[in-house]
C-alpha atoms as a PDB file:
ATOM      1  CA  MET A   1      -3.983  -7.001 -29.609  1.00  0.00           C
ATOM      2  CA  SER A   2      -3.113  -6.379 -26.326  1.00  0.00           C
ATOM      3  CA  LYS A   3      -3.111  -3.902 -24.019  1.00  0.00           C
ATOM      4  CA  ILE A   4      -2.331  -2.388 -20.305  1.00  0.00           C
ATOM      5  CA  GLN A   5      -5.155  -0.526 -17.848  1.00  0.00           C
ATOM      6  CA  PHE A   6      -3.957   0.479 -14.862  1.00  0.00           C
ATOM      7  CA  ARG A   7      -6.900   0.592 -11.378  1.00  0.00           C
ATOM      8  CA  ARG A   8      -8.122   4.174 -11.505  1.00  0.00           C
ATOM      9  CA  GLY A   9     -10.959   5.778  -9.575  1.00  0.00           C
ATOM     10  CA  THR A  10     -10.835   9.373  -8.220  1.00  0.00           C
ATOM     11  CA  ALA A  11      -8.941  10.051  -4.453  1.00  0.00           C
ATOM     12  CA  ALA A  12     -11.875   9.652  -1.995  1.00  0.00           C
ATOM     13  CA  ASP A  13     -12.721   6.442  -4.089  1.00  0.00           C
ATOM     14  CA  TRP A  14      -8.934   5.267  -3.523  1.00  0.00           C
ATOM     15  CA  ALA A  15      -8.859   6.540   0.327  1.00  0.00           C
ATOM     16  CA  SER A  16     -12.707   4.910   0.815  1.00  0.00           C
ATOM     17  CA  ALA A  17     -11.230   1.616  -0.866  1.00  0.00           C
ATOM     18  CA  ASN A  18      -7.556   1.732   0.851  1.00  0.00           C
ATOM     19  CA  PRO A  19      -6.451  -1.770  -0.760  1.00  0.00           C
ATOM     20  CA  ALA A  20      -3.094  -2.766  -0.696  1.00  0.00           C
ATOM     21  CA  LEU A  21      -1.836  -2.394  -4.391  1.00  0.00           C
ATOM     22  CA  SER A  22       0.100  -5.693  -5.900  1.00  0.00           C
ATOM     23  CA  ALA A  23       3.684  -5.464  -6.063  1.00  0.00           C
ATOM     24  CA  GLY A  24       4.199  -3.103  -9.258  1.00  0.00           C
ATOM     25  CA  GLU A  25       0.471  -2.522  -9.810  1.00  0.00           C
ATOM     26  CA  LEU A  26      -0.420   1.285 -10.661  1.00  0.00           C
ATOM     27  CA  ALA A  27      -2.764   2.868  -8.783  1.00  0.00           C
ATOM     28  CA  VAL A  28      -3.948   6.464 -10.871  1.00  0.00           C
ATOM     29  CA  GLU A  29      -6.307   8.759  -9.214  1.00  0.00           C
ATOM     30  CA  THR A  30      -8.538  10.283 -12.037  1.00  0.00           C
ATOM     31  CA  ASP A  31      -9.393  13.702 -10.532  1.00  0.00           C
ATOM     32  CA  THR A  32      -5.318  14.799  -9.817  1.00  0.00           C
ATOM     33  CA  SER A  33      -3.604  12.781 -12.323  1.00  0.00           C
ATOM     34  CA  ARG A  34      -1.248  11.553  -9.807  1.00  0.00           C
ATOM     35  CA  PHE A  35      -0.382   7.937  -9.380  1.00  0.00           C
ATOM     36  CA  LYS A  36       1.305   5.447  -6.887  1.00  0.00           C
ATOM     37  CA  VAL A  37       2.934   1.857  -7.039  1.00  0.00           C
ATOM     38  CA  GLY A  38       1.852  -1.004  -4.902  1.00  0.00           C
ATOM     39  CA  ASP A  39       4.897  -3.144  -2.685  1.00  0.00           C
ATOM     40  CA  GLY A  40       2.644  -5.748  -2.287  1.00  0.00           C
ATOM     41  CA  THR A  41       1.759  -4.606   1.503  1.00  0.00           C
ATOM     42  CA  THR A  42       1.161  -1.320   2.119  1.00  0.00           C
ATOM     43  CA  ALA A  43      -2.256  -0.294   2.350  1.00  0.00           C
ATOM     44  CA  TYR A  44      -3.050   2.335  -0.829  1.00  0.00           C
ATOM     45  CA  ASN A  45      -3.299   5.755   2.301  1.00  0.00           C
ATOM     46  CA  SER A  46       0.126   4.904   2.995  1.00  0.00           C
ATOM     47  CA  LEU A  47       2.071   4.545  -0.218  1.00  0.00           C
ATOM     48  CA  LYS A  48       4.174   7.859  -1.532  1.00  0.00           C
ATOM     49  CA  TYR A  49       3.153   9.800  -4.509  1.00  0.00           C
ATOM     50  CA  MET A  50       5.166   8.780  -7.546  1.00  0.00           C
ATOM     51  CA  SER A  51       6.728  11.021 -10.183  1.00  0.00           C
ATOM     52  CA  PHE A  52       7.291   9.823 -14.536  1.00  0.00           C
ATOM     53  CA  ASP A  53      11.056   9.691 -13.626  1.00  0.00           C
ATOM     54  CA  GLY A  54      10.401   6.714 -10.700  1.00  0.00           C
ATOM     55  CA  GLY A  55      11.483   8.841  -7.559  1.00  0.00           C
ATOM     56  CA  ASP A  56       8.364   9.933  -5.037  1.00  0.00           C
ATOM     57  CA  VAL A  57       6.775  13.064  -5.793  1.00  0.00           C
ATOM     58  CA  GLY A  58       8.949  16.155  -3.599  1.00  0.00           C
ATOM     59  CA  SER A  59      11.650  13.340  -3.084  1.00  0.00           C
ATOM     60  CA  SER A  60      15.134  12.963  -4.746  1.00  0.00           C
ATOM     61  CA  GLN A  61      15.211   9.311  -3.693  1.00  0.00           C
ATOM     62  CA  PHE A  62      13.663   6.322  -5.118  1.00  0.00           C
ATOM     63  CA  LEU A  63      11.379   3.865  -4.079  1.00  0.00           C
ATOM     64  CA  TYR A  64      11.733   1.275  -6.393  1.00  0.00           C
ATOM     65  CA  GLY A  65      14.446   0.585  -8.852  1.00  0.00           C
ATOM     66  CA  PRO A  66      14.081  -2.162 -11.929  1.00  0.00           C
ATOM     67  CA  ASP A  67      15.104  -4.966  -9.866  1.00  0.00           C
ATOM     68  CA  ASP A  68      12.043  -3.962  -7.874  1.00  0.00           C
ATOM     69  CA  TYR A  69       9.761  -4.560 -10.379  1.00  0.00           C
END
């Protein structure tokens, strides 16, 4: 059976490591339940938090469309 597993860690862990996530890679903060999606170049701390409707938290604009993955 196949499974999908997301990268995860606390907000402090992510901020400290500050990796550049691969394009479309999902990073979950286990202590806040918030997540970010990588673009292949931007470091974690510079990415915006995303919501399940595809927009970044606090904005109605979309960061990624279906053709971006």
